Structures are given as structure tokens and as C-alpha cells.
Amino acid sequence: MAGRKLPELRNSKVVTVDELIDDALEFVANHKDNRNYKSKAGIVREDMGSLSAAEVTPQELERWLREHCKTAATANRYKAFISLCYREGVRNGKVAVNPARLVRQRKEGGEAVAFSQP
């Protein structure tokens, strides 16, 4: 045992996606669209809240979006919310990277036409 170097202990506290969601909700507390953020937070927290934030991959996020979002617009909104959570985590020093940045934005079709000229 003498002379043998022990491995360095990393930050033993594991940051979960749940904590990042809490930080993001605190950040948008006075936002005019706060109700939608809370709604998205509840849905994301239910499935991904207990995961280690540092170990979530873009592939896992892509898979989650595919399973939970029927339209491209909805998937883009959830991706934006998850990215916000990670952005706040990076800003607060809780995570090093934002895997949502690597998830491709979906192309939204222009199905609905609000106004047309004769």
C-alpha cells in the first residue's frame, strides 16, 4: 500500500437533470411564458429527472423527443427547453457540456396559412 497513489476523487455529488430543470425554472420565473415552461418541466422531469445530467447523450435526447413529440414544432420546443436547462447548468458550473446543442432542429412545415392574398 505504501507508495501507491490512490485515484483522485471527483466531485462526488451527481447533478441530475432534475436539478437543471429547477435552475431553469428559477431563471424564467418572471418570464411571460412561465406556465408553458412549468408544463414542459413536469413532462421532462417525469422521464429524465433522475438521470445524471453529465451522462445524457444527444442520441438519448433525440430518442426521447421522437417518442414524446408528434410534430416537429413540439419537438423543437422541448429541445429548446432542455437546451435552456443545460445552458443554465453550464452557466452555474454544474455541467460542462450541453448535449441538446448537438440535437438537430427539425424542419417545421408551413401547413397552416394565417393569411392569403387573392
PDB file of N, CA and C in Angstrom:
ATOM      1  N   MET A   1       0.809  -1.186   0.000  1.00  0.00           N
ATOM      2  CA  MET A   1       0.000   0.000   0.000  1.00  0.00           C
ATOM      3  C   MET A   1       0.856   1.256   0.000  1.00  0.00           C
ATOM      4  N   ALA A   2       1.960   1.247   0.714  1.00  0.00           N
ATOM      5  CA  ALA A   2       2.795   2.441   0.798  1.00  0.00           C
ATOM      6  C   ALA A   2       3.373   2.761  -0.579  1.00  0.00           C
ATOM      7  N   GLY A   3       3.333   4.031  -0.941  1.00  0.00           N
ATOM      8  CA  GLY A   3       3.889   4.459  -2.216  1.00  0.00           C
ATOM      9  C   GLY A   3       2.898   4.353  -3.365  1.00  0.00           C
ATOM     10  N   ARG A   4       1.774   3.739  -3.117  1.00  0.00           N
ATOM     11  CA  ARG A   4       0.773   3.605  -4.166  1.00  0.00           C
ATOM     12  C   ARG A   4      -0.162   4.806  -4.140  1.00  0.00           C
ATOM     13  N   LYS A   5      -0.347   5.421  -5.284  1.00  0.00           N
ATOM     14  CA  LYS A   5      -1.189   6.610  -5.354  1.00  0.00           C
ATOM     15  C   LYS A   5      -2.657   6.196  -5.500  1.00  0.00           C
ATOM     16  N   LEU A   6      -3.503   6.756  -4.669  1.00  0.00           N
ATOM     17  CA  LEU A   6      -4.923   6.496  -4.757  1.00  0.00           C
ATOM     18  C   LEU A   6      -5.531   7.365  -5.849  1.00  0.00           C
ATOM     19  N   PRO A   7      -6.584   6.901  -6.482  1.00  0.00           N
ATOM     20  CA  PRO A   7      -7.218   7.729  -7.519  1.00  0.00           C
ATOM     21  C   PRO A   7      -7.812   8.993  -6.902  1.00  0.00           C
ATOM     22  N   GLU A   8      -7.756  10.065  -7.687  1.00  0.00           N
ATOM     23  CA  GLU A   8      -8.314  11.325  -7.210  1.00  0.00           C
ATOM     24  C   GLU A   8      -9.826  11.218  -7.169  1.00  0.00           C
ATOM     25  N   LEU A   9     -10.403  11.759  -6.138  1.00  0.00           N
ATOM     26  CA  LEU A   9     -11.848  11.754  -6.025  1.00  0.00           C
ATOM     27  C   LEU A   9     -12.416  12.899  -6.847  1.00  0.00           C
ATOM     28  N   ARG A  10     -13.365  12.554  -7.695  1.00  0.00           N
ATOM     29  CA  ARG A  10     -14.038  13.597  -8.451  1.00  0.00           C
ATOM     30  C   ARG A  10     -15.139  14.180  -7.567  1.00  0.00           C
ATOM     31  N   ASN A  11     -15.764  15.183  -8.085  1.00  0.00           N
ATOM     32  CA  ASN A  11     -16.894  15.755  -7.366  1.00  0.00           C
ATOM     33  C   ASN A  11     -17.907  14.634  -7.161  1.00  0.00           C
ATOM     34  N   SER A  12     -18.079  14.202  -5.940  1.00  0.00           N
ATOM     35  CA  SER A  12     -18.883  13.021  -5.676  1.00  0.00           C
ATOM     36  C   SER A  12     -20.388  13.282  -5.821  1.00  0.00           C
ATOM     37  N   LYS A  13     -20.793  14.529  -5.798  1.00  0.00           N
ATOM     38  CA  LYS A  13     -22.209  14.849  -5.947  1.00  0.00           C
ATOM     39  C   LYS A  13     -22.596  14.767  -7.423  1.00  0.00           C
ATOM     40  N   VAL A  14     -23.549  13.915  -7.721  1.00  0.00           N
ATOM     41  CA  VAL A  14     -24.016  13.752  -9.096  1.00  0.00           C
ATOM     42  C   VAL A  14     -25.140  14.738  -9.352  1.00  0.00           C
ATOM     43  N   VAL A  15     -24.980  15.548 -10.375  1.00  0.00           N
ATOM     44  CA  VAL A  15     -26.007  16.523 -10.738  1.00  0.00           C
ATOM     45  C   VAL A  15     -27.012  15.820 -11.643  1.00  0.00           C
ATOM     46  N   THR A  16     -28.275  15.900 -11.281  1.00  0.00           N
ATOM     47  CA  THR A  16     -29.312  15.254 -12.076  1.00  0.00           C
ATOM     48  C   THR A  16     -29.991  16.265 -12.999  1.00  0.00           C
ATOM     49  N   VAL A  17     -30.697  15.753 -13.985  1.00  0.00           N
ATOM     50  CA  VAL A  17     -31.462  16.604 -14.896  1.00  0.00           C
ATOM     51  C   VAL A  17     -32.512  17.378 -14.094  1.00  0.00           C
ATOM     52  N   ASP A  18     -33.018  16.765 -13.048  1.00  0.00           N
ATOM     53  CA  ASP A  18     -33.991  17.393 -12.166  1.00  0.00           C
ATOM     54  C   ASP A  18     -33.462  18.728 -11.610  1.00  0.00           C
ATOM     55  N   GLU A  19     -32.207  18.736 -11.172  1.00  0.00           N
ATOM     56  CA  GLU A  19     -31.601  19.963 -10.645  1.00  0.00           C
ATOM     57  C   GLU A  19     -31.469  21.028 -11.722  1.00  0.00           C
ATOM     58  N   LEU A  20     -31.130  20.608 -12.939  1.00  0.00           N
ATOM     59  CA  LEU A  20     -31.004  21.565 -14.040  1.00  0.00           C
ATOM     60  C   LEU A  20     -32.361  22.184 -14.367  1.00  0.00           C
ATOM     61  N   ILE A  21     -33.413  21.360 -14.290  1.00  0.00           N
ATOM     62  CA  ILE A  21     -34.764  21.868 -14.537  1.00  0.00           C
ATOM     63  C   ILE A  21     -35.132  22.908 -13.489  1.00  0.00           C
ATOM     64  N   ASP A  22     -34.806  22.628 -12.231  1.00  0.00           N
ATOM     65  CA  ASP A  22     -35.085  23.601 -11.164  1.00  0.00           C
ATOM     66  C   ASP A  22     -34.367  24.923 -11.417  1.00  0.00           C
ATOM     67  N   ASP A  23     -33.109  24.858 -11.841  1.00  0.00           N
ATOM     68  CA  ASP A  23     -32.342  26.076 -12.134  1.00  0.00           C
ATOM     69  C   ASP A  23     -32.974  26.853 -13.290  1.00  0.00           C
ATOM     70  N   ALA A  24     -33.412  26.130 -14.322  1.00  0.00           N
ATOM     71  CA  ALA A  24     -34.019  26.792 -15.481  1.00  0.00           C
ATOM     72  C   ALA A  24     -35.329  27.457 -15.084  1.00  0.00           C
ATOM     73  N   LEU A  25     -36.130  26.785 -14.254  1.00  0.00           N
ATOM     74  CA  LEU A  25     -37.399  27.383 -13.819  1.00  0.00           C
ATOM     75  C   LEU A  25     -37.170  28.620 -12.964  1.00  0.00           C
ATOM     76  N   GLU A  26     -36.116  28.596 -12.177  1.00  0.00           N
ATOM     77  CA  GLU A  26     -35.760  29.780 -11.390  1.00  0.00           C
ATOM     78  C   GLU A  26     -35.362  30.927 -12.321  1.00  0.00           C
ATOM     79  N   PHE A  27     -34.639  30.594 -13.393  1.00  0.00           N
ATOM     80  CA  PHE A  27     -34.181  31.583 -14.355  1.00  0.00           C
ATOM     81  C   PHE A  27     -35.358  32.248 -15.083  1.00  0.00           C
ATOM     82  N   VAL A  28     -36.397  31.474 -15.406  1.00  0.00           N
ATOM     83  CA  VAL A  28     -37.538  32.010 -16.171  1.00  0.00           C
ATOM     84  C   VAL A  28     -38.722  32.360 -15.279  1.00  0.00           C
ATOM     85  N   ALA A  29     -38.500  32.482 -13.985  1.00  0.00           N
ATOM     86  CA  ALA A  29     -39.588  32.718 -13.032  1.00  0.00           C
ATOM     87  C   ALA A  29     -40.443  33.927 -13.407  1.00  0.00           C
ATOM     88  N   ASN A  30     -39.845  34.973 -13.927  1.00  0.00           N
ATOM     89  CA  ASN A  30     -40.596  36.176 -14.268  1.00  0.00           C
ATOM     90  C   ASN A  30     -40.865  36.306 -15.757  1.00  0.00           C
ATOM     91  N   HIS A  31     -40.689  35.217 -16.483  1.00  0.00           N
ATOM     92  CA  HIS A  31     -40.919  35.225 -17.925  1.00  0.00           C
ATOM     93  C   HIS A  31     -42.418  35.211 -18.205  1.00  0.00           C
ATOM     94  N   LYS A  32     -42.834  35.867 -19.271  1.00  0.00           N
ATOM     95  CA  LYS A  32     -44.270  35.939 -19.564  1.00  0.00           C
ATOM     96  C   LYS A  32     -44.873  34.577 -19.919  1.00  0.00           C
ATOM     97  N   ASP A  33     -44.034  33.637 -20.361  1.00  0.00           N
ATOM     98  CA  ASP A  33     -44.494  32.315 -20.770  1.00  0.00           C
ATOM     99  C   ASP A  33     -44.163  31.258 -19.705  1.00  0.00           C
ATOM    100  N   ASN A  34     -44.110  31.671 -18.460  1.00  0.00           N
ATOM    101  CA  ASN A  34     -43.685  30.800 -17.359  1.00  0.00           C
ATOM    102  C   ASN A  34     -44.535  29.534 -17.242  1.00  0.00           C
ATOM    103  N   ARG A  35     -45.831  29.642 -17.518  1.00  0.00           N
ATOM    104  CA  ARG A  35     -46.726  28.490 -17.401  1.00  0.00           C
ATOM    105  C   ARG A  35     -46.318  27.363 -18.352  1.00  0.00           C
ATOM    106  N   ASN A  36     -45.935  27.713 -19.577  1.00  0.00           N
ATOM    107  CA  ASN A  36     -45.502  26.697 -20.538  1.00  0.00           C
ATOM    108  C   ASN A  36     -44.197  26.043 -20.101  1.00  0.00           C
ATOM    109  N   TYR A  37     -43.297  26.826 -19.516  1.00  0.00           N
ATOM    110  CA  TYR A  37     -42.040  26.257 -19.018  1.00  0.00           C
ATOM    111  C   TYR A  37     -42.324  25.236 -17.917  1.00  0.00           C
ATOM    112  N   LYS A  38     -43.247  25.576 -17.019  1.00  0.00           N
ATOM    113  CA  LYS A  38     -43.583  24.658 -15.924  1.00  0.00           C
ATOM    114  C   LYS A  38     -44.203  23.375 -16.462  1.00  0.00           C
ATOM    115  N   SER A  39     -45.025  23.508 -17.473  1.00  0.00           N
ATOM    116  CA  SER A  39     -45.668  22.350 -18.086  1.00  0.00           C
ATOM    117  C   SER A  39     -44.622  21.419 -18.711  1.00  0.00           C
ATOM    118  N   LYS A  40     -43.717  21.994 -19.482  1.00  0.00           N
ATOM    119  CA  LYS A  40     -42.654  21.200 -20.108  1.00  0.00           C
ATOM    120  C   LYS A  40     -41.758  20.578 -19.036  1.00  0.00           C
ATOM    121  N   ALA A  41     -41.474  21.335 -17.991  1.00  0.00           N
ATOM    122  CA  ALA A  41     -40.616  20.836 -16.913  1.00  0.00           C
ATOM    123  C   ALA A  41     -41.213  19.586 -16.284  1.00  0.00           C
ATOM    124  N   GLY A  42     -42.515  19.583 -16.051  1.00  0.00           N
ATOM    125  CA  GLY A  42     -43.161  18.432 -15.452  1.00  0.00           C
ATOM    126  C   GLY A  42     -43.040  17.187 -16.312  1.00  0.00           C
ATOM    127  N   ILE A  43     -43.215  17.345 -17.613  1.00  0.00           N
ATOM    128  CA  ILE A  43     -43.151  16.206 -18.533  1.00  0.00           C
ATOM    129  C   ILE A  43     -41.724  15.683 -18.653  1.00  0.00           C
ATOM    130  N   VAL A  44     -40.759  16.584 -18.804  1.00  0.00           N
ATOM    131  CA  VAL A  44     -39.359  16.163 -18.930  1.00  0.00           C
ATOM    132  C   VAL A  44     -38.875  15.543 -17.619  1.00  0.00           C
ATOM    133  N   ARG A  45     -39.246  16.150 -16.510  1.00  0.00           N
ATOM    134  CA  ARG A  45     -38.820  15.675 -15.188  1.00  0.00           C
ATOM    135  C   ARG A  45     -39.316  14.248 -14.933  1.00  0.00           C
ATOM    136  N   GLU A  46     -40.528  13.952 -15.376  1.00  0.00           N
ATOM    137  CA  GLU A  46     -41.112  12.631 -15.156  1.00  0.00           C
ATOM    138  C   GLU A  46     -40.263  11.516 -15.768  1.00  0.00           C
ATOM    139  N   ASP A  47     -39.745  11.749 -16.974  1.00  0.00           N
ATOM    140  CA  ASP A  47     -38.979  10.709 -17.675  1.00  0.00           C
ATOM    141  C   ASP A  47     -37.472  10.792 -17.459  1.00  0.00           C
ATOM    142  N   MET A  48     -36.951  12.013 -17.363  1.00  0.00           N
ATOM    143  CA  MET A  48     -35.496  12.163 -17.359  1.00  0.00           C
ATOM    144  C   MET A  48     -34.940  12.763 -16.073  1.00  0.00           C
ATOM    145  N   GLY A  49     -35.785  13.135 -15.134  1.00  0.00           N
ATOM    146  CA  GLY A  49     -35.358  13.848 -13.935  1.00  0.00           C
ATOM    147  C   GLY A  49     -34.300  13.139 -13.113  1.00  0.00           C
ATOM    148  N   SER A  50     -34.372  11.825 -13.034  1.00  0.00           N
ATOM    149  CA  SER A  50     -33.436  11.089 -12.179  1.00  0.00           C
ATOM    150  C   SER A  50     -32.115  10.760 -12.868  1.00  0.00           C
ATOM    151  N   LEU A  51     -31.999  11.051 -14.166  1.00  0.00           N
ATOM    152  CA  LEU A  51     -30.758  10.748 -14.890  1.00  0.00           C
ATOM    153  C   LEU A  51     -29.630  11.694 -14.480  1.00  0.00           C
ATOM    154  N   SER A  52     -28.417  11.185 -14.542  1.00  0.00           N
ATOM    155  CA  SER A  52     -27.244  12.020 -14.311  1.00  0.00           C
ATOM    156  C   SER A  52     -27.108  12.974 -15.490  1.00  0.00           C
ATOM    157  N   ALA A  53     -27.102  14.257 -15.231  1.00  0.00           N
ATOM    158  CA  ALA A  53     -27.087  15.265 -16.304  1.00  0.00           C
ATOM    159  C   ALA A  53     -25.848  15.147 -17.192  1.00  0.00           C
ATOM    160  N   ALA A  54     -24.721  14.797 -16.604  1.00  0.00           N
ATOM    161  CA  ALA A  54     -23.478  14.725 -17.369  1.00  0.00           C
ATOM    162  C   ALA A  54     -23.440  13.518 -18.296  1.00  0.00           C
ATOM    163  N   GLU A  55     -24.276  12.519 -18.044  1.00  0.00           N
ATOM    164  CA  GLU A  55     -24.217  11.298 -18.842  1.00  0.00           C
ATOM    165  C   GLU A  55     -25.292  11.217 -19.926  1.00  0.00           C
ATOM    166  N   VAL A  56     -26.156  12.218 -20.022  1.00  0.00           N
ATOM    167  CA  VAL A  56     -27.183  12.221 -21.062  1.00  0.00           C
ATOM    168  C   VAL A  56     -26.511  12.535 -22.401  1.00  0.00           C
ATOM    169  N   THR A  57     -26.809  11.723 -23.410  1.00  0.00           N
ATOM    170  CA  THR A  57     -26.201  11.906 -24.725  1.00  0.00           C
ATOM    171  C   THR A  57     -27.203  12.532 -25.693  1.00  0.00           C
ATOM    172  N   PRO A  58     -26.711  13.150 -26.759  1.00  0.00           N
ATOM    173  CA  PRO A  58     -27.617  13.688 -27.780  1.00  0.00           C
ATOM    174  C   PRO A  58     -28.523  12.597 -28.358  1.00  0.00           C
ATOM    175  N   GLN A  59     -28.001  11.380 -28.488  1.00  0.00           N
ATOM    176  CA  GLN A  59     -28.797  10.278 -29.021  1.00  0.00           C
ATOM    177  C   GLN A  59     -29.985   9.958 -28.103  1.00  0.00           C
ATOM    178  N   GLU A  60     -29.754   9.979 -26.791  1.00  0.00           N
ATOM    179  CA  GLU A  60     -30.844   9.740 -25.844  1.00  0.00           C
ATOM    180  C   GLU A  60     -31.898  10.842 -25.932  1.00  0.00           C
ATOM    181  N   LEU A  61     -31.444  12.082 -26.068  1.00  0.00           N
ATOM    182  CA  LEU A  61     -32.386  13.200 -26.196  1.00  0.00           C
ATOM    183  C   LEU A  61     -33.201  13.064 -27.476  1.00  0.00           C
ATOM    184  N   GLU A  62     -32.533  12.723 -28.561  1.00  0.00           N
ATOM    185  CA  GLU A  62     -33.206  12.534 -29.857  1.00  0.00           C
ATOM    186  C   GLU A  62     -34.266  11.440 -29.746  1.00  0.00           C
ATOM    187  N   ARG A  63     -33.924  10.354 -29.108  1.00  0.00           N
ATOM    188  CA  ARG A  63     -34.849   9.227 -28.919  1.00  0.00           C
ATOM    189  C   ARG A  63     -36.059   9.665 -28.072  1.00  0.00           C
ATOM    190  N   TRP A  64     -35.793  10.410 -27.005  1.00  0.00           N
ATOM    191  CA  TRP A  64     -36.867  10.878 -26.141  1.00  0.00           C
ATOM    192  C   TRP A  64     -37.816  11.791 -26.916  1.00  0.00           C
ATOM    193  N   LEU A  65     -37.263  12.708 -27.702  1.00  0.00           N
ATOM    194  CA  LEU A  65     -38.086  13.622 -28.493  1.00  0.00           C
ATOM    195  C   LEU A  65     -38.939  12.853 -29.500  1.00  0.00           C
ATOM    196  N   ARG A  66     -38.348  11.856 -30.139  1.00  0.00           N
ATOM    197  CA  ARG A  66     -39.065  11.053 -31.125  1.00  0.00           C
ATOM    198  C   ARG A  66     -40.251  10.327 -30.475  1.00  0.00           C
ATOM    199  N   GLU A  67     -40.050   9.812 -29.259  1.00  0.00           N
ATOM    200  CA  GLU A  67     -41.094   9.056 -28.569  1.00  0.00           C
ATOM    201  C   GLU A  67     -42.211   9.945 -28.011  1.00  0.00           C
ATOM    202  N   HIS A  68     -41.877  11.167 -27.615  1.00  0.00           N
ATOM    203  CA  HIS A  68     -42.843  12.001 -26.900  1.00  0.00           C
ATOM    204  C   HIS A  68     -43.469  13.125 -27.710  1.00  0.00           C
ATOM    205  N   CYS A  69     -42.938  13.425 -28.876  1.00  0.00           N
ATOM    206  CA  CYS A  69     -43.426  14.573 -29.637  1.00  0.00           C
ATOM    207  C   CYS A  69     -43.962  14.132 -30.990  1.00  0.00           C
ATOM    208  N   LYS A  70     -45.208  14.496 -31.265  1.00  0.00           N
ATOM    209  CA  LYS A  70     -45.835  14.083 -32.519  1.00  0.00           C
ATOM    210  C   LYS A  70     -45.443  14.975 -33.694  1.00  0.00           C
ATOM    211  N   THR A  71     -45.246  16.269 -33.431  1.00  0.00           N
ATOM    212  CA  THR A  71     -44.932  17.182 -34.526  1.00  0.00           C
ATOM    213  C   THR A  71     -43.524  17.756 -34.363  1.00  0.00           C
ATOM    214  N   ALA A  72     -43.001  18.243 -35.470  1.00  0.00           N
ATOM    215  CA  ALA A  72     -41.667  18.845 -35.459  1.00  0.00           C
ATOM    216  C   ALA A  72     -41.635  20.081 -34.562  1.00  0.00           C
ATOM    217  N   ALA A  73     -42.703  20.858 -34.594  1.00  0.00           N
ATOM    218  CA  ALA A  73     -42.746  22.087 -33.791  1.00  0.00           C
ATOM    219  C   ALA A  73     -42.670  21.754 -32.296  1.00  0.00           C
ATOM    220  N   THR A  74     -43.402  20.732 -31.878  1.00  0.00           N
ATOM    221  CA  THR A  74     -43.384  20.334 -30.469  1.00  0.00           C
ATOM    222  C   THR A  74     -42.000  19.840 -30.073  1.00  0.00           C
ATOM    223  N   ALA A  75     -41.394  19.025 -30.929  1.00  0.00           N
ATOM    224  CA  ALA A  75     -40.055  18.511 -30.646  1.00  0.00           C
ATOM    225  C   ALA A  75     -39.054  19.659 -30.519  1.00  0.00           C
ATOM    226  N   ASN A  76     -39.164  20.656 -31.390  1.00  0.00           N
ATOM    227  CA  ASN A  76     -38.256  21.804 -31.326  1.00  0.00           C
ATOM    228  C   ASN A  76     -38.439  22.593 -30.035  1.00  0.00           C
ATOM    229  N   ARG A  77     -39.669  22.705 -29.563  1.00  0.00           N
ATOM    230  CA  ARG A  77     -39.924  23.443 -28.319  1.00  0.00           C
ATOM    231  C   ARG A  77     -39.340  22.696 -27.111  1.00  0.00           C
ATOM    232  N   TYR A  78     -39.513  21.382 -27.084  1.00  0.00           N
ATOM    233  CA  TYR A  78     -38.945  20.604 -25.976  1.00  0.00           C
ATOM    234  C   TYR A  78     -37.419  20.610 -26.032  1.00  0.00           C
ATOM    235  N   LYS A  79     -36.867  20.526 -27.241  1.00  0.00           N
ATOM    236  CA  LYS A  79     -35.408  20.597 -27.393  1.00  0.00           C
ATOM    237  C   LYS A  79     -34.904  21.935 -26.856  1.00  0.00           C
ATOM    238  N   ALA A  80     -35.609  23.010 -27.177  1.00  0.00           N
ATOM    239  CA  ALA A  80     -35.217  24.342 -26.707  1.00  0.00           C
ATOM    240  C   ALA A  80     -35.276  24.416 -25.182  1.00  0.00           C
ATOM    241  N   PHE A  81     -36.308  23.794 -24.585  1.00  0.00           N
ATOM    242  CA  PHE A  81     -36.421  23.809 -23.124  1.00  0.00           C
ATOM    243  C   PHE A  81     -35.273  23.028 -22.480  1.00  0.00           C
ATOM    244  N   ILE A  82     -34.986  21.845 -23.013  1.00  0.00           N
ATOM    245  CA  ILE A  82     -33.891  21.028 -22.463  1.00  0.00           C
ATOM    246  C   ILE A  82     -32.562  21.760 -22.629  1.00  0.00           C
ATOM    247  N   SER A  83     -32.390  22.419 -23.770  1.00  0.00           N
ATOM    248  CA  SER A  83     -31.169  23.185 -24.007  1.00  0.00           C
ATOM    249  C   SER A  83     -31.050  24.333 -23.003  1.00  0.00           C
ATOM    250  N   LEU A  84     -32.168  24.983 -22.696  1.00  0.00           N
ATOM    251  CA  LEU A  84     -32.177  26.052 -21.694  1.00  0.00           C
ATOM    252  C   LEU A  84     -31.718  25.507 -20.338  1.00  0.00           C
ATOM    253  N   CYS A  85     -32.217  24.331 -19.975  1.00  0.00           N
ATOM    254  CA  CYS A  85     -31.827  23.717 -18.702  1.00  0.00           C
ATOM    255  C   CYS A  85     -30.319  23.489 -18.653  1.00  0.00           C
ATOM    256  N   TYR A  86     -29.779  22.946 -19.731  1.00  0.00           N
ATOM    257  CA  TYR A  86     -28.339  22.691 -19.770  1.00  0.00           C
ATOM    258  C   TYR A  86     -27.533  23.980 -19.848  1.00  0.00           C
ATOM    259  N   ARG A  87     -28.045  24.983 -20.561  1.00  0.00           N
ATOM    260  CA  ARG A  87     -27.348  26.278 -20.639  1.00  0.00           C
ATOM    261  C   ARG A  87     -27.206  26.889 -19.258  1.00  0.00           C
ATOM    262  N   GLU A  88     -28.281  26.825 -18.478  1.00  0.00           N
ATOM    263  CA  GLU A  88     -28.215  27.328 -17.112  1.00  0.00           C
ATOM    264  C   GLU A  88     -27.259  26.486 -16.264  1.00  0.00           C
ATOM    265  N   GLY A  89     -27.244  25.175 -16.496  1.00  0.00           N
ATOM    266  CA  GLY A  89     -26.322  24.296 -15.778  1.00  0.00           C
ATOM    267  C   GLY A  89     -24.875  24.628 -16.078  1.00  0.00           C
ATOM    268  N   VAL A  90     -24.576  24.934 -17.340  1.00  0.00           N
ATOM    269  CA  VAL A  90     -23.218  25.322 -17.731  1.00  0.00           C
ATOM    270  C   VAL A  90     -22.867  26.655 -17.089  1.00  0.00           C
ATOM    271  N   ARG A  91     -23.810  27.596 -17.137  1.00  0.00           N
ATOM    272  CA  ARG A  91     -23.577  28.926 -16.558  1.00  0.00           C
ATOM    273  C   ARG A  91     -23.330  28.845 -15.058  1.00  0.00           C
ATOM    274  N   ASN A  92     -24.003  27.913 -14.387  1.00  0.00           N
ATOM    275  CA  ASN A  92     -23.852  27.752 -12.945  1.00  0.00           C
ATOM    276  C   ASN A  92     -22.736  26.783 -12.563  1.00  0.00           C
ATOM    277  N   GLY A  93     -22.032  26.252 -13.536  1.00  0.00           N
ATOM    278  CA  GLY A  93     -20.901  25.366 -13.264  1.00  0.00           C
ATOM    279  C   GLY A  93     -21.290  23.966 -12.820  1.00  0.00           C
ATOM    280  N   LYS A  94     -22.517  23.550 -13.102  1.00  0.00           N
ATOM    281  CA  LYS A  94     -22.962  22.217 -12.678  1.00  0.00           C
ATOM    282  C   LYS A  94     -22.668  21.144 -13.713  1.00  0.00           C
ATOM    283  N   VAL A  95     -22.651  21.526 -14.988  1.00  0.00           N
ATOM    284  CA  VAL A  95     -22.299  20.599 -16.071  1.00  0.00           C
ATOM    285  C   VAL A  95     -21.322  21.296 -17.009  1.00  0.00           C
ATOM    286  N   ALA A  96     -20.589  20.485 -17.762  1.00  0.00           N
ATOM    287  CA  ALA A  96     -19.573  21.054 -18.654  1.00  0.00           C
ATOM    288  C   ALA A  96     -20.090  21.248 -20.077  1.00  0.00           C
ATOM    289  N   VAL A  97     -21.010  20.403 -20.513  1.00  0.00           N
ATOM    290  CA  VAL A  97     -21.484  20.467 -21.903  1.00  0.00           C
ATOM    291  C   VAL A  97     -23.006  20.445 -21.964  1.00  0.00           C
ATOM    292  N   ASN A  98     -23.517  20.895 -23.100  1.00  0.00           N
ATOM    293  CA  ASN A  98     -24.944  20.913 -23.370  1.00  0.00           C
ATOM    294  C   ASN A  98     -25.218  19.943 -24.518  1.00  0.00           C
ATOM    295  N   PRO A  99     -25.662  18.703 -24.216  1.00  0.00           N
ATOM    296  CA  PRO A  99     -25.879  17.734 -25.291  1.00  0.00           C
ATOM    297  C   PRO A  99     -27.033  18.116 -26.217  1.00  0.00           C
ATOM    298  N   ALA A 100     -27.936  18.957 -25.769  1.00  0.00           N
ATOM    299  CA  ALA A 100     -29.065  19.368 -26.607  1.00  0.00           C
ATOM    300  C   ALA A 100     -28.599  20.206 -27.793  1.00  0.00           C
ATOM    301  N   ARG A 101     -27.439  20.830 -27.668  1.00  0.00           N
ATOM    302  CA  ARG A 101     -26.898  21.619 -28.788  1.00  0.00           C
ATOM    303  C   ARG A 101     -26.610  20.742 -29.994  1.00  0.00           C
ATOM    304  N   LEU A 102     -26.327  19.476 -29.737  1.00  0.00           N
ATOM    305  CA  LEU A 102     -25.964  18.569 -30.826  1.00  0.00           C
ATOM    306  C   LEU A 102     -27.166  17.850 -31.433  1.00  0.00           C
ATOM    307  N   VAL A 103     -28.353  18.090 -30.894  1.00  0.00           N
ATOM    308  CA  VAL A 103     -29.568  17.505 -31.458  1.00  0.00           C
ATOM    309  C   VAL A 103     -30.044  18.424 -32.573  1.00  0.00           C
ATOM    310  N   ARG A 104     -30.308  17.832 -33.732  1.00  0.00           N
ATOM    311  CA  ARG A 104     -30.709  18.647 -34.886  1.00  0.00           C
ATOM    312  C   ARG A 104     -32.106  19.235 -34.701  1.00  0.00           C
ATOM    313  N   GLN A 105     -32.244  20.470 -35.144  1.00  0.00           N
ATOM    314  CA  GLN A 105     -33.541  21.139 -35.166  1.00  0.00           C
ATOM    315  C   GLN A 105     -34.376  20.472 -36.260  1.00  0.00           C
ATOM    316  N   ARG A 106     -35.630  20.203 -35.998  1.00  0.00           N
ATOM    317  CA  ARG A 106     -36.494  19.587 -37.001  1.00  0.00           C
ATOM    318  C   ARG A 106     -37.072  20.660 -37.922  1.00  0.00           C
ATOM    319  N   LYS A 107     -37.263  20.297 -39.167  1.00  0.00           N
ATOM    320  CA  LYS A 107     -37.832  21.219 -40.130  1.00  0.00           C
ATOM    321  C   LYS A 107     -39.341  21.244 -39.941  1.00  0.00           C
ATOM    322  N   GLU A 108     -39.849  22.439 -39.676  1.00  0.00           N
ATOM    323  CA  GLU A 108     -41.286  22.597 -39.479  1.00  0.00           C
ATOM    324  C   GLU A 108     -41.928  22.966 -40.805  1.00  0.00           C
ATOM    325  N   GLY A 109     -42.980  22.238 -41.154  1.00  0.00           N
ATOM    326  CA  GLY A 109     -43.687  22.534 -42.393  1.00  0.00           C
ATOM    327  C   GLY A 109     -44.584  23.745 -42.227  1.00  0.00           C
ATOM    328  N   GLY A 110     -44.832  24.415 -43.290  1.00  0.00           N
ATOM    329  CA  GLY A 110     -45.702  25.586 -43.240  1.00  0.00           C
ATOM    330  C   GLY A 110     -47.120  25.209 -43.571  1.00  0.00           C
ATOM    331  N   GLU A 111     -47.692  24.223 -42.879  1.00  0.00           N
ATOM    332  CA  GLU A 111     -49.046  23.747 -43.199  1.00  0.00           C
ATOM    333  C   GLU A 111     -50.102  24.817 -42.976  1.00  0.00           C
ATOM    334  N   ALA A 112     -50.027  25.494 -41.875  1.00  0.00           N
ATOM    335  CA  ALA A 112     -51.057  26.482 -41.543  1.00  0.00           C
ATOM    336  C   ALA A 112     -50.732  27.810 -42.211  1.00  0.00           C
ATOM    337  N   VAL A 113     -51.687  28.319 -42.963  1.00  0.00           N
ATOM    338  CA  VAL A 113     -51.510  29.619 -43.603  1.00  0.00           C
ATOM    339  C   VAL A 113     -52.481  30.578 -42.917  1.00  0.00           C
ATOM    340  N   ALA A 114     -51.949  31.576 -42.258  1.00  0.00           N
ATOM    341  CA  ALA A 114     -52.780  32.504 -41.497  1.00  0.00           C
ATOM    342  C   ALA A 114     -53.478  33.513 -42.400  1.00  0.00           C
ATOM    343  N   PHE A 115     -52.826  33.879 -43.491  1.00  0.00           N
ATOM    344  CA  PHE A 115     -53.370  34.917 -44.337  1.00  0.00           C
ATOM    345  C   PHE A 115     -52.945  34.645 -45.769  1.00  0.00           C
ATOM    346  N   SER A 116     -53.890  34.719 -46.668  1.00  0.00           N
ATOM    347  CA  SER A 116     -53.520  34.555 -48.083  1.00  0.00           C
ATOM    348  C   SER A 116     -54.130  35.673 -48.910  1.00  0.00           C
ATOM    349  N   GLN A 117     -53.394  36.116 -49.854  1.00  0.00           N
ATOM    350  CA  GLN A 117     -53.798  37.198 -50.736  1.00  0.00           C
ATOM    351  C   GLN A 117     -54.568  36.607 -51.920  1.00  0.00           C
ATOM    352  N   PRO A 118     -55.686  37.217 -52.337  1.00  0.00           N
ATOM    353  CA  PRO A 118     -56.441  36.671 -53.508  1.00  0.00           C
ATOM    354  C   PRO A 118     -55.690  36.873 -54.803  1.00  0.00           C
TER     355      PRO A 118
END
